[in-house]
């Protein structure tokens, strides 16, 4: 199954990531995980840099954290709303209120 951009709210983050990896077809997966704390501005910069790396194959960027602060949300907004060619984003968090 082709992975597409989505938001997943779950308390079983590791299991969800494993399920996504099992479902992928030929997509490349890049994970940026902060399971124990808030997604940092440095994490956001890393995601943006990875998103703009040229690639002919589809790259799925998985972002996971307990909290995405408003500053981080603002940094990621453009790249998630208007992703570069061949990029998909999957956000995983434990609560809808954290994004």
PDB file of N, CA and C in Angstrom:
ATOM      1  N   UNK A   1       0.846  -1.165   0.000  1.00  0.00           N
ATOM      2  CA  UNK A   1       0.000   0.000   0.000  1.00  0.00           C
ATOM      3  C   UNK A   1       0.900   1.239   0.000  1.00  0.00           C
ATOM      4  N   UNK A   2       0.564   2.211  -0.840  1.00  0.00           N
ATOM      5  CA  UNK A   2       1.319   3.462  -0.901  1.00  0.00           C
ATOM      6  C   UNK A   2       0.988   4.315   0.316  1.00  0.00           C
ATOM      7  N   UNK A   3       2.010   4.788   0.993  1.00  0.00           N
ATOM      8  CA  UNK A   3       1.814   5.653   2.156  1.00  0.00           C
ATOM      9  C   UNK A   3       1.533   7.075   1.689  1.00  0.00           C
ATOM     10  N   UNK A   4       0.552   7.728   2.329  1.00  0.00           N
ATOM     11  CA  UNK A   4       0.185   9.093   1.980  1.00  0.00           C
ATOM     12  C   UNK A   4       0.261   9.983   3.216  1.00  0.00           C
ATOM     13  N   UNK A   5       0.297  11.285   2.986  1.00  0.00           N
ATOM     14  CA  UNK A   5       0.354  12.237   4.099  1.00  0.00           C
ATOM     15  C   UNK A   5      -0.874  12.096   4.981  1.00  0.00           C
ATOM     16  N   UNK A   6      -0.645  12.119   6.296  1.00  0.00           N
ATOM     17  CA  UNK A   6      -1.741  11.961   7.250  1.00  0.00           C
ATOM     18  C   UNK A   6      -1.277  12.316   8.660  1.00  0.00           C
ATOM     19  N   UNK A   7      -2.253  12.488   9.548  1.00  0.00           N
ATOM     20  CA  UNK A   7      -1.993  12.677  10.974  1.00  0.00           C
ATOM     21  C   UNK A   7      -2.571  11.467  11.685  1.00  0.00           C
ATOM     22  N   UNK A   8      -1.784  10.853  12.555  1.00  0.00           N
ATOM     23  CA  UNK A   8      -2.231   9.682  13.303  1.00  0.00           C
ATOM     24  C   UNK A   8      -2.143  10.014  14.791  1.00  0.00           C
ATOM     25  N   UNK A   9      -3.261   9.842  15.491  1.00  0.00           N
ATOM     26  CA  UNK A   9      -3.295  10.058  16.939  1.00  0.00           C
ATOM     27  C   UNK A   9      -3.372   8.682  17.586  1.00  0.00           C
ATOM     28  N   UNK A  10      -2.348   8.335  18.369  1.00  0.00           N
ATOM     29  CA  UNK A  10      -2.284   7.014  18.988  1.00  0.00           C
ATOM     30  C   UNK A  10      -1.353   7.046  20.194  1.00  0.00           C
ATOM     31  N   UNK A  11      -1.608   6.179  21.135  1.00  0.00           N
ATOM     32  CA  UNK A  11      -0.685   6.031  22.264  1.00  0.00           C
ATOM     33  C   UNK A  11       0.371   4.967  21.958  1.00  0.00           C
ATOM     34  N   UNK A  12       0.191   4.238  20.865  1.00  0.00           N
ATOM     35  CA  UNK A  12       1.104   3.153  20.485  1.00  0.00           C
ATOM     36  C   UNK A  12       1.997   3.607  19.329  1.00  0.00           C
ATOM     37  N   UNK A  13       2.865   4.546  19.616  1.00  0.00           N
ATOM     38  CA  UNK A  13       3.674   5.167  18.570  1.00  0.00           C
ATOM     39  C   UNK A  13       4.612   4.169  17.898  1.00  0.00           C
ATOM     40  N   UNK A  14       5.366   3.409  18.672  1.00  0.00           N
ATOM     41  CA  UNK A  14       6.323   2.458  18.088  1.00  0.00           C
ATOM     42  C   UNK A  14       5.621   1.411  17.233  1.00  0.00           C
ATOM     43  N   UNK A  15       4.489   0.892  17.716  1.00  0.00           N
ATOM     44  CA  UNK A  15       3.732  -0.102  16.953  1.00  0.00           C
ATOM     45  C   UNK A  15       3.198   0.502  15.657  1.00  0.00           C
ATOM     46  N   UNK A  16       2.762   1.742  15.721  1.00  0.00           N
ATOM     47  CA  UNK A  16       2.238   2.418  14.535  1.00  0.00           C
ATOM     48  C   UNK A  16       3.333   2.611  13.496  1.00  0.00           C
ATOM     49  N   UNK A  17       4.518   3.013  13.923  1.00  0.00           N
ATOM     50  CA  UNK A  17       5.635   3.177  12.991  1.00  0.00           C
ATOM     51  C   UNK A  17       5.991   1.837  12.351  1.00  0.00           C
ATOM     52  N   UNK A  18       6.022   0.777  13.136  1.00  0.00           N
ATOM     53  CA  UNK A  18       6.305  -0.557  12.596  1.00  0.00           C
ATOM     54  C   UNK A  18       5.250  -0.956  11.568  1.00  0.00           C
ATOM     55  N   UNK A  19       3.974  -0.653  11.850  1.00  0.00           N
ATOM     56  CA  UNK A  19       2.894  -0.970  10.918  1.00  0.00           C
ATOM     57  C   UNK A  19       3.070  -0.191   9.606  1.00  0.00           C
ATOM     58  N   UNK A  20       3.425   1.086   9.708  1.00  0.00           N
ATOM     59  CA  UNK A  20       3.638   1.894   8.503  1.00  0.00           C
ATOM     60  C   UNK A  20       4.797   1.345   7.675  1.00  0.00           C
ATOM     61  N   UNK A  21       5.875   0.962   8.343  1.00  0.00           N
ATOM     62  CA  UNK A  21       7.023   0.397   7.623  1.00  0.00           C
ATOM     63  C   UNK A  21       6.646  -0.903   6.922  1.00  0.00           C
ATOM     64  N   UNK A  22       5.788  -1.697   7.537  1.00  0.00           N
ATOM     65  CA  UNK A  22       5.350  -2.954   6.928  1.00  0.00           C
ATOM     66  C   UNK A  22       4.443  -2.709   5.726  1.00  0.00           C
ATOM     67  N   UNK A  23       3.714  -1.595   5.720  1.00  0.00           N
ATOM     68  CA  UNK A  23       2.771  -1.297   4.642  1.00  0.00           C
ATOM     69  C   UNK A  23       3.413  -0.620   3.436  1.00  0.00           C
ATOM     70  N   UNK A  24       4.613  -0.130   3.589  1.00  0.00           N
ATOM     71  CA  UNK A  24       5.214   0.626   2.486  1.00  0.00           C
ATOM     72  C   UNK A  24       5.461  -0.266   1.279  1.00  0.00           C
ATOM     73  N   UNK A  25       5.454   0.366   0.120  1.00  0.00           N
ATOM     74  CA  UNK A  25       5.772  -0.363  -1.103  1.00  0.00           C
ATOM     75  C   UNK A  25       7.214  -0.031  -1.474  1.00  0.00           C
ATOM     76  N   UNK A  26       7.408   0.978  -2.303  1.00  0.00           N
ATOM     77  CA  UNK A  26       8.782   1.330  -2.669  1.00  0.00           C
ATOM     78  C   UNK A  26       9.191   2.700  -2.143  1.00  0.00           C
ATOM     79  N   UNK A  27       8.434   3.239  -1.191  1.00  0.00           N
ATOM     80  CA  UNK A  27       8.776   4.533  -0.617  1.00  0.00           C
ATOM     81  C   UNK A  27       9.974   4.410   0.323  1.00  0.00           C
ATOM     82  N   UNK A  28      10.740   5.471   0.388  1.00  0.00           N
ATOM     83  CA  UNK A  28      11.834   5.554   1.358  1.00  0.00           C
ATOM     84  C   UNK A  28      11.270   6.249   2.589  1.00  0.00           C
ATOM     85  N   UNK A  29      11.559   5.726   3.763  1.00  0.00           N
ATOM     86  CA  UNK A  29      11.041   6.307   5.004  1.00  0.00           C
ATOM     87  C   UNK A  29      12.176   6.983   5.765  1.00  0.00           C
ATOM     88  N   UNK A  30      11.913   8.215   6.196  1.00  0.00           N
ATOM     89  CA  UNK A  30      12.836   8.973   7.042  1.00  0.00           C
ATOM     90  C   UNK A  30      12.079   9.276   8.324  1.00  0.00           C
ATOM     91  N   UNK A  31      12.660   8.925   9.470  1.00  0.00           N
ATOM     92  CA  UNK A  31      11.979   9.145  10.753  1.00  0.00           C
ATOM     93  C   UNK A  31      12.687  10.233  11.555  1.00  0.00           C
ATOM     94  N   UNK A  32      11.886  11.131  12.113  1.00  0.00           N
ATOM     95  CA  UNK A  32      12.391  12.134  13.049  1.00  0.00           C
ATOM     96  C   UNK A  32      11.512  11.996  14.285  1.00  0.00           C
ATOM     97  N   UNK A  33      12.051  11.350  15.312  1.00  0.00           N
ATOM     98  CA  UNK A  33      11.259  10.973  16.480  1.00  0.00           C
ATOM     99  C   UNK A  33      11.760  11.652  17.744  1.00  0.00           C
ATOM    100  N   UNK A  34      10.828  12.108  18.544  1.00  0.00           N
ATOM    101  CA  UNK A  34      11.120  12.651  19.877  1.00  0.00           C
ATOM    102  C   UNK A  34      10.061  12.084  20.814  1.00  0.00           C
ATOM    103  N   UNK A  35      10.207  10.836  21.177  1.00  0.00           N
ATOM    104  CA  UNK A  35       9.167  10.152  21.944  1.00  0.00           C
ATOM    105  C   UNK A  35       9.084  10.599  23.397  1.00  0.00           C
ATOM    106  N   UNK A  36      10.161  11.121  23.943  1.00  0.00           N
ATOM    107  CA  UNK A  36      10.177  11.460  25.362  1.00  0.00           C
ATOM    108  C   UNK A  36       9.930  12.934  25.650  1.00  0.00           C
ATOM    109  N   UNK A  37       9.908  13.762  24.610  1.00  0.00           N
ATOM    110  CA  UNK A  37       9.794  15.200  24.875  1.00  0.00           C
ATOM    111  C   UNK A  37       9.157  15.929  23.703  1.00  0.00           C
ATOM    112  N   UNK A  38       9.285  17.238  23.741  1.00  0.00           N
ATOM    113  CA  UNK A  38       8.728  18.109  22.715  1.00  0.00           C
ATOM    114  C   UNK A  38       9.591  18.084  21.455  1.00  0.00           C
ATOM    115  N   UNK A  39       8.944  18.105  20.306  1.00  0.00           N
ATOM    116  CA  UNK A  39       9.628  18.231  19.023  1.00  0.00           C
ATOM    117  C   UNK A  39      10.320  19.591  19.016  1.00  0.00           C
ATOM    118  N   UNK A  40      11.622  19.621  18.795  1.00  0.00           N
ATOM    119  CA  UNK A  40      12.392  20.861  18.938  1.00  0.00           C
ATOM    120  C   UNK A  40      12.493  21.636  17.623  1.00  0.00           C
ATOM    121  N   UNK A  41      12.926  22.870  17.737  1.00  0.00           N
ATOM    122  CA  UNK A  41      13.174  23.690  16.551  1.00  0.00           C
ATOM    123  C   UNK A  41      14.268  23.039  15.704  1.00  0.00           C
ATOM    124  N   UNK A  42      15.278  22.453  16.340  1.00  0.00           N
ATOM    125  CA  UNK A  42      16.329  21.746  15.597  1.00  0.00           C
ATOM    126  C   UNK A  42      15.752  20.556  14.841  1.00  0.00           C
ATOM    127  N   UNK A  43      14.796  19.829  15.458  1.00  0.00           N
ATOM    128  CA  UNK A  43      14.122  18.740  14.754  1.00  0.00           C
ATOM    129  C   UNK A  43      13.395  19.278  13.524  1.00  0.00           C
ATOM    130  N   UNK A  44      12.716  20.410  13.687  1.00  0.00           N
ATOM    131  CA  UNK A  44      11.973  21.015  12.575  1.00  0.00           C
ATOM    132  C   UNK A  44      12.921  21.408  11.441  1.00  0.00           C
ATOM    133  N   UNK A  45      14.071  21.980  11.782  1.00  0.00           N
ATOM    134  CA  UNK A  45      15.058  22.351  10.761  1.00  0.00           C
ATOM    135  C   UNK A  45      15.566  21.116  10.026  1.00  0.00           C
ATOM    136  N   UNK A  46      15.769  20.024  10.763  1.00  0.00           N
ATOM    137  CA  UNK A  46      16.204  18.762  10.156  1.00  0.00           C
ATOM    138  C   UNK A  46      15.157  18.258   9.165  1.00  0.00           C
ATOM    139  N   UNK A  47      13.884  18.316   9.561  1.00  0.00           N
ATOM    140  CA  UNK A  47      12.791  17.872   8.690  1.00  0.00           C
ATOM    141  C   UNK A  47      12.756  18.710   7.416  1.00  0.00           C
ATOM    142  N   UNK A  48      12.853  20.013   7.560  1.00  0.00           N
ATOM    143  CA  UNK A  48      12.802  20.905   6.400  1.00  0.00           C
ATOM    144  C   UNK A  48      13.969  20.616   5.453  1.00  0.00           C
ATOM    145  N   UNK A  49      15.158  20.419   5.996  1.00  0.00           N
ATOM    146  CA  UNK A  49      16.325  20.098   5.165  1.00  0.00           C
ATOM    147  C   UNK A  49      16.118  18.785   4.417  1.00  0.00           C
ATOM    148  N   UNK A  50      15.598  17.773   5.105  1.00  0.00           N
ATOM    149  CA  UNK A  50      15.363  16.476   4.465  1.00  0.00           C
ATOM    150  C   UNK A  50      14.269  16.575   3.409  1.00  0.00           C
ATOM    151  N   UNK A  51      13.275  17.406   3.661  1.00  0.00           N
ATOM    152  CA  UNK A  51      12.168  17.551   2.714  1.00  0.00           C
ATOM    153  C   UNK A  51      12.637  18.152   1.394  1.00  0.00           C
ATOM    154  N   UNK A  52      13.607  19.038   1.446  1.00  0.00           N
ATOM    155  CA  UNK A  52      14.058  19.707   0.229  1.00  0.00           C
ATOM    156  C   UNK A  52      15.222  19.006  -0.461  1.00  0.00           C
ATOM    157  N   UNK A  53      15.607  17.820   0.014  1.00  0.00           N
ATOM    158  CA  UNK A  53      16.615  17.028  -0.692  1.00  0.00           C
ATOM    159  C   UNK A  53      15.951  16.415  -1.921  1.00  0.00           C
ATOM    160  N   UNK A  54      16.550  16.617  -3.068  1.00  0.00           N
ATOM    161  CA  UNK A  54      15.977  16.096  -4.312  1.00  0.00           C
ATOM    162  C   UNK A  54      15.969  14.573  -4.293  1.00  0.00           C
ATOM    163  N   UNK A  55      14.886  14.020  -4.832  1.00  0.00           N
ATOM    164  CA  UNK A  55      14.762  12.566  -4.884  1.00  0.00           C
ATOM    165  C   UNK A  55      13.751  12.189  -5.956  1.00  0.00           C
ATOM    166  N   UNK A  56      14.093  11.196  -6.752  1.00  0.00           N
ATOM    167  CA  UNK A  56      13.159  10.702  -7.768  1.00  0.00           C
ATOM    168  C   UNK A  56      12.133   9.755  -7.163  1.00  0.00           C
ATOM    169  N   UNK A  57      12.500   9.111  -6.064  1.00  0.00           N
ATOM    170  CA  UNK A  57      11.559   8.211  -5.409  1.00  0.00           C
ATOM    171  C   UNK A  57      10.784   8.966  -4.335  1.00  0.00           C
ATOM    172  N   UNK A  58       9.618   8.443  -3.991  1.00  0.00           N
ATOM    173  CA  UNK A  58       8.812   9.059  -2.943  1.00  0.00           C
ATOM    174  C   UNK A  58       9.489   8.850  -1.594  1.00  0.00           C
ATOM    175  N   UNK A  59       9.571   9.918  -0.829  1.00  0.00           N
ATOM    176  CA  UNK A  59      10.115   9.856   0.520  1.00  0.00           C
ATOM    177  C   UNK A  59       9.005  10.199   1.498  1.00  0.00           C
ATOM    178  N   UNK A  60       8.781   9.323   2.468  1.00  0.00           N
ATOM    179  CA  UNK A  60       7.795   9.550   3.514  1.00  0.00           C
ATOM    180  C   UNK A  60       8.558   9.972   4.762  1.00  0.00           C
ATOM    181  N   UNK A  61       8.253  11.167   5.258  1.00  0.00           N
ATOM    182  CA  UNK A  61       8.920  11.683   6.452  1.00  0.00           C
ATOM    183  C   UNK A  61       7.953  11.535   7.619  1.00  0.00           C
ATOM    184  N   UNK A  62       8.336  10.704   8.584  1.00  0.00           N
ATOM    185  CA  UNK A  62       7.499  10.449   9.753  1.00  0.00           C
ATOM    186  C   UNK A  62       7.988  11.327  10.901  1.00  0.00           C
ATOM    187  N   UNK A  63       7.085  12.149  11.428  1.00  0.00           N
ATOM    188  CA  UNK A  63       7.384  13.019  12.562  1.00  0.00           C
ATOM    189  C   UNK A  63       6.609  12.504  13.755  1.00  0.00           C
ATOM    190  N   UNK A  64       7.283  12.300  14.858  1.00  0.00           N
ATOM    191  CA  UNK A  64       6.606  11.780  16.038  1.00  0.00           C
ATOM    192  C   UNK A  64       7.139  12.457  17.292  1.00  0.00           C
ATOM    193  N   UNK A  65       6.209  12.917  18.134  1.00  0.00           N
ATOM    194  CA  UNK A  65       6.577  13.534  19.410  1.00  0.00           C
ATOM    195  C   UNK A  65       5.345  13.620  20.290  1.00  0.00           C
ATOM    196  N   UNK A  66       5.578  13.806  21.577  1.00  0.00           N
ATOM    197  CA  UNK A  66       4.453  14.007  22.493  1.00  0.00           C
ATOM    198  C   UNK A  66       3.841  15.384  22.292  1.00  0.00           C
ATOM    199  N   UNK A  67       4.685  16.389  21.975  1.00  0.00           N
ATOM    200  CA  UNK A  67       4.201  17.762  21.816  1.00  0.00           C
ATOM    201  C   UNK A  67       4.910  18.425  20.632  1.00  0.00           C
ATOM    202  N   UNK A  68       4.128  19.121  19.809  1.00  0.00           N
ATOM    203  CA  UNK A  68       4.646  19.978  18.748  1.00  0.00           C
ATOM    204  C   UNK A  68       4.304  21.408  19.165  1.00  0.00           C
ATOM    205  N   UNK A  69       5.282  22.169  19.624  1.00  0.00           N
ATOM    206  CA  UNK A  69       5.019  23.528  20.132  1.00  0.00           C
ATOM    207  C   UNK A  69       4.539  24.441  19.005  1.00  0.00           C
ATOM    208  N   UNK A  70       3.889  25.553  19.354  1.00  0.00           N
ATOM    209  CA  UNK A  70       3.451  26.501  18.320  1.00  0.00           C
ATOM    210  C   UNK A  70       4.603  27.007  17.441  1.00  0.00           C
ATOM    211  N   UNK A  71       5.780  27.198  18.013  1.00  0.00           N
ATOM    212  CA  UNK A  71       6.934  27.645  17.222  1.00  0.00           C
ATOM    213  C   UNK A  71       7.295  26.594  16.178  1.00  0.00           C
ATOM    214  N   UNK A  72       7.332  25.334  16.591  1.00  0.00           N
ATOM    215  CA  UNK A  72       7.646  24.233  15.674  1.00  0.00           C
ATOM    216  C   UNK A  72       6.551  24.095  14.622  1.00  0.00           C
ATOM    217  N   UNK A  73       5.301  24.193  15.041  1.00  0.00           N
ATOM    218  CA  UNK A  73       4.192  24.108  14.086  1.00  0.00           C
ATOM    219  C   UNK A  73       4.337  25.167  12.998  1.00  0.00           C
ATOM    220  N   UNK A  74       4.667  26.394  13.395  1.00  0.00           N
ATOM    221  CA  UNK A  74       4.840  27.471  12.418  1.00  0.00           C
ATOM    222  C   UNK A  74       6.003  27.200  11.475  1.00  0.00           C
ATOM    223  N   UNK A  75       7.099  26.658  12.000  1.00  0.00           N
ATOM    224  CA  UNK A  75       8.256  26.336  11.154  1.00  0.00           C
ATOM    225  C   UNK A  75       7.918  25.268  10.116  1.00  0.00           C
ATOM    226  N   UNK A  76       7.091  24.292  10.505  1.00  0.00           N
ATOM    227  CA  UNK A  76       6.767  23.174   9.618  1.00  0.00           C
ATOM    228  C   UNK A  76       5.589  23.451   8.683  1.00  0.00           C
ATOM    229  N   UNK A  77       4.831  24.494   8.956  1.00  0.00           N
ATOM    230  CA  UNK A  77       3.576  24.736   8.247  1.00  0.00           C
ATOM    231  C   UNK A  77       3.722  24.742   6.727  1.00  0.00           C
ATOM    232  N   UNK A  78       4.618  25.530   6.190  1.00  0.00           N
ATOM    233  CA  UNK A  78       4.734  25.653   4.732  1.00  0.00           C
ATOM    234  C   UNK A  78       5.136  24.339   4.080  1.00  0.00           C
ATOM    235  N   UNK A  79       6.133  23.678   4.629  1.00  0.00           N
ATOM    236  CA  UNK A  79       6.627  22.448   4.005  1.00  0.00           C
ATOM    237  C   UNK A  79       5.581  21.332   4.062  1.00  0.00           C
ATOM    238  N   UNK A  80       4.740  21.329   5.089  1.00  0.00           N
ATOM    239  CA  UNK A  80       3.698  20.303   5.187  1.00  0.00           C
ATOM    240  C   UNK A  80       2.503  20.656   4.303  1.00  0.00           C
ATOM    241  N   UNK A  81       2.125  21.943   4.266  1.00  0.00           N
ATOM    242  CA  UNK A  81       0.992  22.351   3.429  1.00  0.00           C
ATOM    243  C   UNK A  81       1.313  22.279   1.944  1.00  0.00           C
ATOM    244  N   UNK A  82       2.549  22.600   1.578  1.00  0.00           N
ATOM    245  CA  UNK A  82       2.980  22.578   0.181  1.00  0.00           C
ATOM    246  C   UNK A  82       4.264  21.759   0.077  1.00  0.00           C
ATOM    247  N   UNK A  83       4.144  20.437   0.209  1.00  0.00           N
ATOM    248  CA  UNK A  83       5.353  19.605   0.233  1.00  0.00           C
ATOM    249  C   UNK A  83       6.096  19.617  -1.106  1.00  0.00           C
ATOM    250  N   UNK A  84       7.415  19.507  -1.040  1.00  0.00           N
ATOM    251  CA  UNK A  84       8.201  19.383  -2.266  1.00  0.00           C
ATOM    252  C   UNK A  84       7.808  18.116  -3.031  1.00  0.00           C
ATOM    253  N   UNK A  85       8.199  18.059  -4.283  1.00  0.00           N
ATOM    254  CA  UNK A  85       7.896  16.909  -5.135  1.00  0.00           C
ATOM    255  C   UNK A  85       8.376  15.609  -4.485  1.00  0.00           C
ATOM    256  N   UNK A  86       7.527  14.595  -4.555  1.00  0.00           N
ATOM    257  CA  UNK A  86       7.827  13.244  -4.067  1.00  0.00           C
ATOM    258  C   UNK A  86       8.023  13.158  -2.557  1.00  0.00           C
ATOM    259  N   UNK A  87       7.404  14.069  -1.806  1.00  0.00           N
ATOM    260  CA  UNK A  87       7.496  14.024  -0.343  1.00  0.00           C
ATOM    261  C   UNK A  87       6.105  13.873   0.254  1.00  0.00           C
ATOM    262  N   UNK A  88       5.986  13.016   1.242  1.00  0.00           N
ATOM    263  CA  UNK A  88       4.760  12.810   2.012  1.00  0.00           C
ATOM    264  C   UNK A  88       5.139  12.941   3.482  1.00  0.00           C
ATOM    265  N   UNK A  89       4.221  13.464   4.287  1.00  0.00           N
ATOM    266  CA  UNK A  89       4.469  13.631   5.717  1.00  0.00           C
ATOM    267  C   UNK A  89       3.437  12.861   6.518  1.00  0.00           C
ATOM    268  N   UNK A  90       3.905  12.150   7.539  1.00  0.00           N
ATOM    269  CA  UNK A  90       3.012  11.485   8.484  1.00  0.00           C
ATOM    270  C   UNK A  90       3.383  12.003   9.873  1.00  0.00           C
ATOM    271  N   UNK A  91       2.420  12.634  10.529  1.00  0.00           N
ATOM    272  CA  UNK A  91       2.613  13.124  11.897  1.00  0.00           C
ATOM    273  C   UNK A  91       1.962  12.142  12.847  1.00  0.00           C
ATOM    274  N   UNK A  92       2.707  11.718  13.865  1.00  0.00           N
ATOM    275  CA  UNK A  92       2.183  10.788  14.862  1.00  0.00           C
ATOM    276  C   UNK A  92       2.332  11.439  16.229  1.00  0.00           C
ATOM    277  N   UNK A  93       1.240  11.482  16.971  1.00  0.00           N
ATOM    278  CA  UNK A  93       1.257  12.063  18.309  1.00  0.00           C
ATOM    279  C   UNK A  93       0.208  11.380  19.174  1.00  0.00           C
ATOM    280  N   UNK A  94       0.279  11.611  20.463  1.00  0.00           N
ATOM    281  CA  UNK A  94      -0.636  10.950  21.390  1.00  0.00           C
ATOM    282  C   UNK A  94      -1.946  11.699  21.579  1.00  0.00           C
ATOM    283  N   UNK A  95      -1.993  12.968  21.183  1.00  0.00           N
ATOM    284  CA  UNK A  95      -3.199  13.763  21.386  1.00  0.00           C
ATOM    285  C   UNK A  95      -3.339  14.800  20.280  1.00  0.00           C
ATOM    286  N   UNK A  96      -4.546  14.967  19.784  1.00  0.00           N
ATOM    287  CA  UNK A  96      -4.798  15.946  18.736  1.00  0.00           C
ATOM    288  C   UNK A  96      -4.476  17.365  19.205  1.00  0.00           C
ATOM    289  N   UNK A  97      -4.588  17.615  20.489  1.00  0.00           N
ATOM    290  CA  UNK A  97      -4.342  18.960  21.018  1.00  0.00           C
ATOM    291  C   UNK A  97      -2.861  19.341  21.015  1.00  0.00           C
ATOM    292  N   UNK A  98      -1.972  18.395  20.746  1.00  0.00           N
ATOM    293  CA  UNK A  98      -0.533  18.691  20.755  1.00  0.00           C
ATOM    294  C   UNK A  98      -0.010  19.148  19.399  1.00  0.00           C
ATOM    295  N   UNK A  99      -0.881  19.183  18.403  1.00  0.00           N
ATOM    296  CA  UNK A  99      -0.442  19.653  17.074  1.00  0.00           C
ATOM    297  C   UNK A  99      -1.293  20.803  16.597  1.00  0.00           C
TER     298      UNK A  99
END
